[in-house]
Protein backbone atom coordinates (compact mmCIF):
# COMPACT_ATOMS: atom_id res chain seq x y z
CA MET A 1 -5.25 -4.98 5.61
CA THR A 2 -3.50 -1.60 5.62
CA LYS A 3 -6.07 1.18 5.99
CA ARG A 4 -5.90 3.51 3.00
CA LEU A 5 -6.52 6.98 4.43
CA TYR A 6 -6.20 8.61 1.00
CA LEU A 7 -9.46 7.01 -0.08
CA ASP A 8 -11.34 9.27 2.33
CA ASP A 9 -9.14 12.35 2.02
CA ALA A 10 -6.63 12.69 -0.82
CA TYR A 11 -5.42 16.01 0.67
CA LEU A 12 -4.20 14.38 3.89
CA LYS A 13 -0.45 15.02 3.81
CA GLU A 14 0.65 12.99 6.83
CA CYS A 15 -0.58 10.60 9.47
CA SER A 16 0.57 8.53 12.43
CA ALA A 17 0.81 4.77 12.00
CA ARG A 18 2.01 1.63 13.77
CA VAL A 19 4.61 -0.67 12.22
CA LEU A 20 3.13 -4.15 11.69
CA ARG A 21 5.99 -5.87 9.87
CA VAL A 22 9.51 -5.20 8.62
CA GLU A 23 10.92 -7.53 5.98
CA GLY A 24 14.25 -6.46 4.48
CA ASN A 25 13.74 -2.85 3.43
CA ALA A 26 9.94 -3.28 3.28
CA VAL A 27 7.74 -1.76 5.98
CA VAL A 28 4.05 -2.57 6.45
CA LEU A 29 1.92 -0.15 8.50
CA ASP A 30 -1.56 -0.41 9.97
CA GLN A 31 -2.57 2.69 7.98
CA THR A 32 -1.02 5.08 5.48
CA VAL A 33 -1.51 8.23 3.41
CA LEU A 34 0.84 6.92 0.71
CA TYR A 35 -0.91 5.60 -2.41
CA ALA A 36 0.26 2.19 -3.60
CA GLU A 37 0.80 1.84 -7.34
CA SER A 38 -2.33 0.47 -9.04
CA GLY A 39 -4.78 1.25 -11.79
CA GLY A 40 -2.06 2.92 -13.84
CA GLN A 41 -1.34 5.56 -11.17
CA ALA A 42 2.30 5.78 -10.08
CA PRO A 43 3.06 5.22 -6.37
CA ASP A 44 3.49 7.91 -3.76
CA LEU A 45 6.88 8.68 -2.25
CA GLY A 46 7.59 10.26 1.11
CA ALA A 47 9.16 9.52 4.49
CA LEU A 48 8.68 7.64 7.76
CA ARG A 49 9.80 9.52 10.89
CA TRP A 50 10.17 8.27 14.47
CA ASP A 51 12.35 9.04 17.51
CA GLY A 52 14.50 11.53 15.60
CA GLN A 53 15.11 9.07 12.75
CA GLU A 54 13.86 9.05 9.18
CA ALA A 55 13.56 6.58 6.31
CA ARG A 56 12.82 7.71 2.77
CA VAL A 57 9.95 5.88 1.09
CA LEU A 58 11.09 4.96 -2.42
CA ASP A 59 8.10 2.88 -3.52
CA SER A 60 4.62 1.83 -2.37
CA GLN A 61 3.05 -1.40 -3.60
CA VAL A 62 0.15 -3.71 -2.71
CA VAL A 63 1.19 -7.16 -1.47
CA SER A 64 0.62 -9.62 -4.35
CA GLY A 65 -0.57 -6.78 -6.57
CA GLY A 66 -4.21 -5.88 -7.13
CA HIS A 67 -6.15 -3.37 -5.04
CA THR A 68 -6.64 -5.25 -1.77
CA GLY A 69 -4.24 -6.46 0.90
CA ASP A 70 -1.43 -4.83 2.86
CA ILE A 71 0.61 -1.98 1.40
CA VAL A 72 4.38 -2.37 1.41
CA HIS A 73 6.54 0.75 1.63
CA ARG A 74 10.09 0.14 0.44
CA VAL A 75 12.45 2.44 2.25
CA GLU A 76 16.01 3.70 2.27
CA GLY A 77 17.76 4.48 5.54
CA ALA A 78 17.05 3.36 9.08
CA LEU A 79 14.32 0.81 9.69
CA PRO A 80 11.67 1.40 12.36
CA PRO A 81 11.15 -1.44 14.83
CA VAL A 82 7.96 -3.51 14.75
CA GLY A 83 5.35 -1.92 16.98
CA ALA A 84 6.84 1.57 16.70
CA GLN A 85 4.65 4.59 16.09
CA VAL A 86 5.85 6.49 13.03
CA ARG A 87 4.84 9.66 11.24
CA VAL A 88 4.07 9.04 7.57
CA VAL A 89 4.78 12.11 5.44
CA ILE A 90 3.92 12.40 1.77
CA ASP A 91 5.87 14.06 -1.05
CA TRP A 92 3.00 16.46 -1.60
CA GLU A 93 4.18 18.13 -4.81
CA ARG A 94 4.42 14.72 -6.48
CA ARG A 95 1.04 13.58 -5.12
CA TYR A 96 -0.74 16.77 -6.20
CA GLY A 97 0.59 16.37 -9.74
CA LEU A 98 -0.74 12.80 -9.77
CA MET A 99 -4.13 13.97 -8.52
CA ARG A 100 -4.40 16.58 -11.26
CA HIS A 101 -3.44 14.17 -14.03
CA HIS A 102 -5.72 11.44 -12.70
CA THR A 103 -8.67 13.83 -12.62
CA ALA A 104 -7.86 14.95 -16.17
CA ALA A 105 -7.90 11.30 -17.25
CA HIS A 106 -11.44 11.01 -15.90
CA VAL A 107 -12.52 13.97 -18.01
CA PHE A 108 -10.96 12.33 -21.08
CA ALA A 109 -12.85 9.13 -20.21
CA ALA A 110 -16.12 11.05 -19.91
CA ILE A 111 -15.66 12.76 -23.29
CA MET A 112 -14.63 9.53 -24.98
CA HIS A 113 -17.61 7.69 -23.49
CA LYS A 114 -20.05 10.32 -24.79
CA GLU A 115 -18.50 11.39 -28.11
CA HIS A 116 -16.70 8.24 -29.30
CA LYS A 117 -19.01 5.35 -28.56
CA GLY A 118 -16.84 2.89 -30.47
CA ALA A 119 -13.71 3.74 -28.48
CA LYS A 120 -12.64 1.42 -25.65
CA PHE A 121 -9.98 2.22 -23.06
CA THR A 122 -7.36 -0.52 -22.85
CA GLY A 123 -4.79 0.96 -20.47
CA GLY A 124 -3.00 4.02 -19.20
CA GLN A 125 -0.26 5.46 -17.02
CA LEU A 126 -0.40 8.50 -14.76
CA TYR A 127 2.63 10.40 -13.48
CA PRO A 128 3.07 13.68 -11.59
CA ASP A 129 3.92 15.63 -14.77
CA ARG A 130 2.16 13.72 -17.55
CA GLY A 131 -0.27 10.98 -18.45
CA ARG A 132 -1.32 8.78 -21.33
CA PHE A 133 -4.18 6.50 -22.17
CA ASP A 134 -4.57 3.68 -24.67
CA ALA A 135 -7.83 3.28 -26.57
CA HIS A 136 -9.23 1.28 -29.45
CA PHE A 137 -11.06 3.28 -32.10
CA GLU A 138 -13.28 1.65 -34.69
CA ALA A 139 -12.58 4.64 -36.94
CA TRP A 140 -9.61 6.98 -36.51
CA ASP A 141 -9.51 10.61 -37.57
CA PRO A 142 -6.17 12.48 -37.21
CA GLU A 143 -8.14 15.46 -35.87
CA ILE A 144 -9.43 13.49 -32.87
CA PRO A 145 -6.58 14.56 -30.51
CA LYS A 146 -7.23 18.26 -31.20
CA ARG A 147 -10.97 17.84 -30.71
CA LEU A 148 -10.39 15.90 -27.49
CA GLU A 149 -8.12 18.64 -26.14
CA ALA A 150 -10.71 21.32 -26.89
CA SER A 151 -13.57 19.32 -25.38
CA VAL A 152 -11.65 18.35 -22.26
CA ASN A 153 -10.54 21.91 -21.57
CA ALA A 154 -14.06 23.22 -22.12
CA GLU A 155 -15.40 20.78 -19.52
CA ILE A 156 -12.59 21.46 -17.04
CA ALA A 157 -13.31 25.20 -17.26
CA LYS A 158 -16.93 24.64 -16.23
CA GLY A 159 -15.69 23.94 -12.74
CA TYR A 160 -17.18 20.61 -11.70
CA GLU A 161 -16.95 19.42 -8.11
CA VAL A 162 -15.26 16.02 -7.72
CA ARG A 163 -16.64 13.68 -5.05
CA ASN A 164 -16.11 10.08 -3.99
CA HIS A 165 -18.69 7.72 -2.52
CA THR A 166 -19.17 3.99 -2.08
CA ILE A 167 -21.86 1.69 -3.45
CA THR A 168 -22.50 -2.03 -3.12
CA ARG A 169 -21.23 -4.51 -5.67
CA ALA A 170 -24.83 -5.21 -6.68
CA GLU A 171 -25.47 -1.50 -7.32
CA PHE A 172 -22.27 -1.25 -9.32
CA GLU A 173 -23.19 -4.15 -11.57
CA LYS A 174 -26.51 -2.48 -12.42
CA GLY A 175 -24.90 0.77 -13.53
CA ASP A 176 -22.77 2.01 -16.42
CA LEU A 177 -19.74 2.81 -14.26
CA LEU A 178 -16.75 1.39 -16.17
CA ARG A 179 -14.77 3.21 -18.85
CA THR A 180 -12.39 0.38 -19.76
CA ALA A 181 -12.60 -2.39 -22.34
CA GLU A 182 -12.17 -4.98 -19.58
CA ASP A 183 -13.74 -5.20 -16.15
CA LEU A 184 -10.62 -4.69 -14.02
CA LEU A 185 -12.47 -4.44 -10.70
CA ASP A 186 -10.99 -6.89 -8.19
CA PRO A 187 -13.58 -9.64 -7.49
CA ALA A 188 -12.74 -9.36 -3.79
CA ILE A 189 -14.08 -5.79 -3.63
CA GLN A 190 -17.68 -5.73 -2.47
CA ASP A 191 -17.93 -2.03 -1.61
CA VAL A 192 -17.12 -0.17 -4.84
CA ARG A 193 -15.67 3.32 -4.71
CA ILE A 194 -17.15 5.72 -7.25
CA THR A 195 -15.48 8.94 -8.39
CA ASP A 196 -18.15 11.41 -9.47
CA ILE A 197 -17.31 14.54 -11.45
CA VAL A 198 -20.69 15.94 -10.47
CA GLY A 199 -22.73 16.78 -13.54
CA LEU A 200 -20.29 15.21 -16.01
CA ASP A 201 -19.48 11.57 -15.30
CA ALA A 202 -19.22 8.89 -12.61
CA GLN A 203 -17.04 5.79 -12.73
CA ALA A 204 -15.51 3.15 -10.49
CA ASP A 205 -12.03 4.18 -9.36
CA GLY A 206 -9.59 3.72 -6.47
CA GLY A 207 -7.16 6.57 -7.17
CA THR A 208 -6.63 10.10 -5.88
CA HIS A 209 -8.20 13.21 -7.40
CA VAL A 210 -8.50 16.94 -6.89
CA ARG A 211 -11.68 18.36 -5.38
CA HIS A 212 -12.53 20.60 -8.31
CA THR A 213 -11.77 20.40 -12.03
CA ARG A 214 -10.35 23.95 -12.05
CA GLU A 215 -7.39 22.59 -10.07
CA VAL A 216 -6.44 20.47 -13.08
CA GLY A 217 -5.29 23.47 -15.12
CA ARG A 218 -5.24 23.41 -18.90
CA VAL A 219 -4.68 20.06 -20.63
CA VAL A 220 -2.30 19.84 -23.58
CA VAL A 221 -2.57 16.76 -25.80
CA GLY A 222 0.69 15.50 -27.27
CA LYS A 223 1.39 12.53 -29.49
CA ALA A 224 -1.17 10.01 -30.67
CA ASP A 225 0.95 6.95 -31.42
CA ASN A 226 -0.38 4.22 -33.68
CA LYS A 227 -0.15 0.88 -31.87
CA GLY A 228 -1.75 -1.06 -34.72
CA LYS A 229 -5.24 -2.42 -35.51
CA GLY A 230 -7.09 0.66 -34.34
CA HIS A 231 -5.13 1.09 -31.10
CA ARG A 232 -3.88 4.59 -30.25
CA ARG A 233 -1.79 5.85 -27.37
CA ILE A 234 -2.60 9.48 -26.58
CA SER A 235 -0.28 11.48 -24.32
CA PHE A 236 -1.19 14.61 -22.35
CA ASN A 237 -0.01 16.91 -19.62
CA CYS A 238 -1.62 19.47 -17.33
CA THR A 239 -0.26 23.00 -17.23
CA THR A 240 -0.16 25.02 -13.99
CA PRO A 241 -3.68 26.05 -12.90
C-alpha cells in the first residue's frame, strides 16, 4: 500500500519516491505527499520529477476507492520508468487552501454537534477556495447560518492547536468520535486516525489540516440551500488569515 506521508505531516511539500507501477497515464509510487481524493476532500495536484524530466499530476485517487490501498497519480507528460526514483512535488497553494477549509469544516462539525443535537451531517465537499456541508435538521431556523458563522469565527479566533493521533479500533468504537449520520469508516482500518482541535472537539478523520485554527482565517457562510425534508446544504469560504 502506498505510504501516505501527509498523514504524519500535512506541511511536507515534497518527497522522494520509487515508481512501483505504470499503467497508461497512471503512476503508483511506494510513498507520496499527494492526498488522494476521499472523505469529500478534493485531490492534490503537483508534479513528478526525475532525470531532468517532469510529469504534471492531474489527479490522485485511491485504487478501488475508499481510504486504503495504493494511490494512483494520473499524469500528463513523460512517464517515469518502473523502479525510477522520482521527486514528488505538491501544488502547495492548492493544498494549503484545502487544509484551511478542511479545518474550518471540523469547527462547523464541533459547533453543530454541541449546539444542534438534532442535526446530522450527511455529506460535504472541500475545495481550495470553498467548502460546503450537507446536514439534516429536525427544525430549521433561517437564522441558523448567521449564528453558525458567528460561533465558528468566535471559536477559530480562540486559537486552538490542531493535532492528529491514532487509536485502536476498539478505542474508537467506545468514543463519540463521528460527526456524520452514517459510519463511513472503512472496516479495513484498525488504527483510527483522530483529528483533535485541542479543547474544542476530536473526531475520526483522514484528511489534511492546518496546525492552528488562526491559520483558517475568517469564515464566511454563503447559501443554505433547501434539499427537501429537513436537508440543508450550507456553503462557506475562508478569507485570507
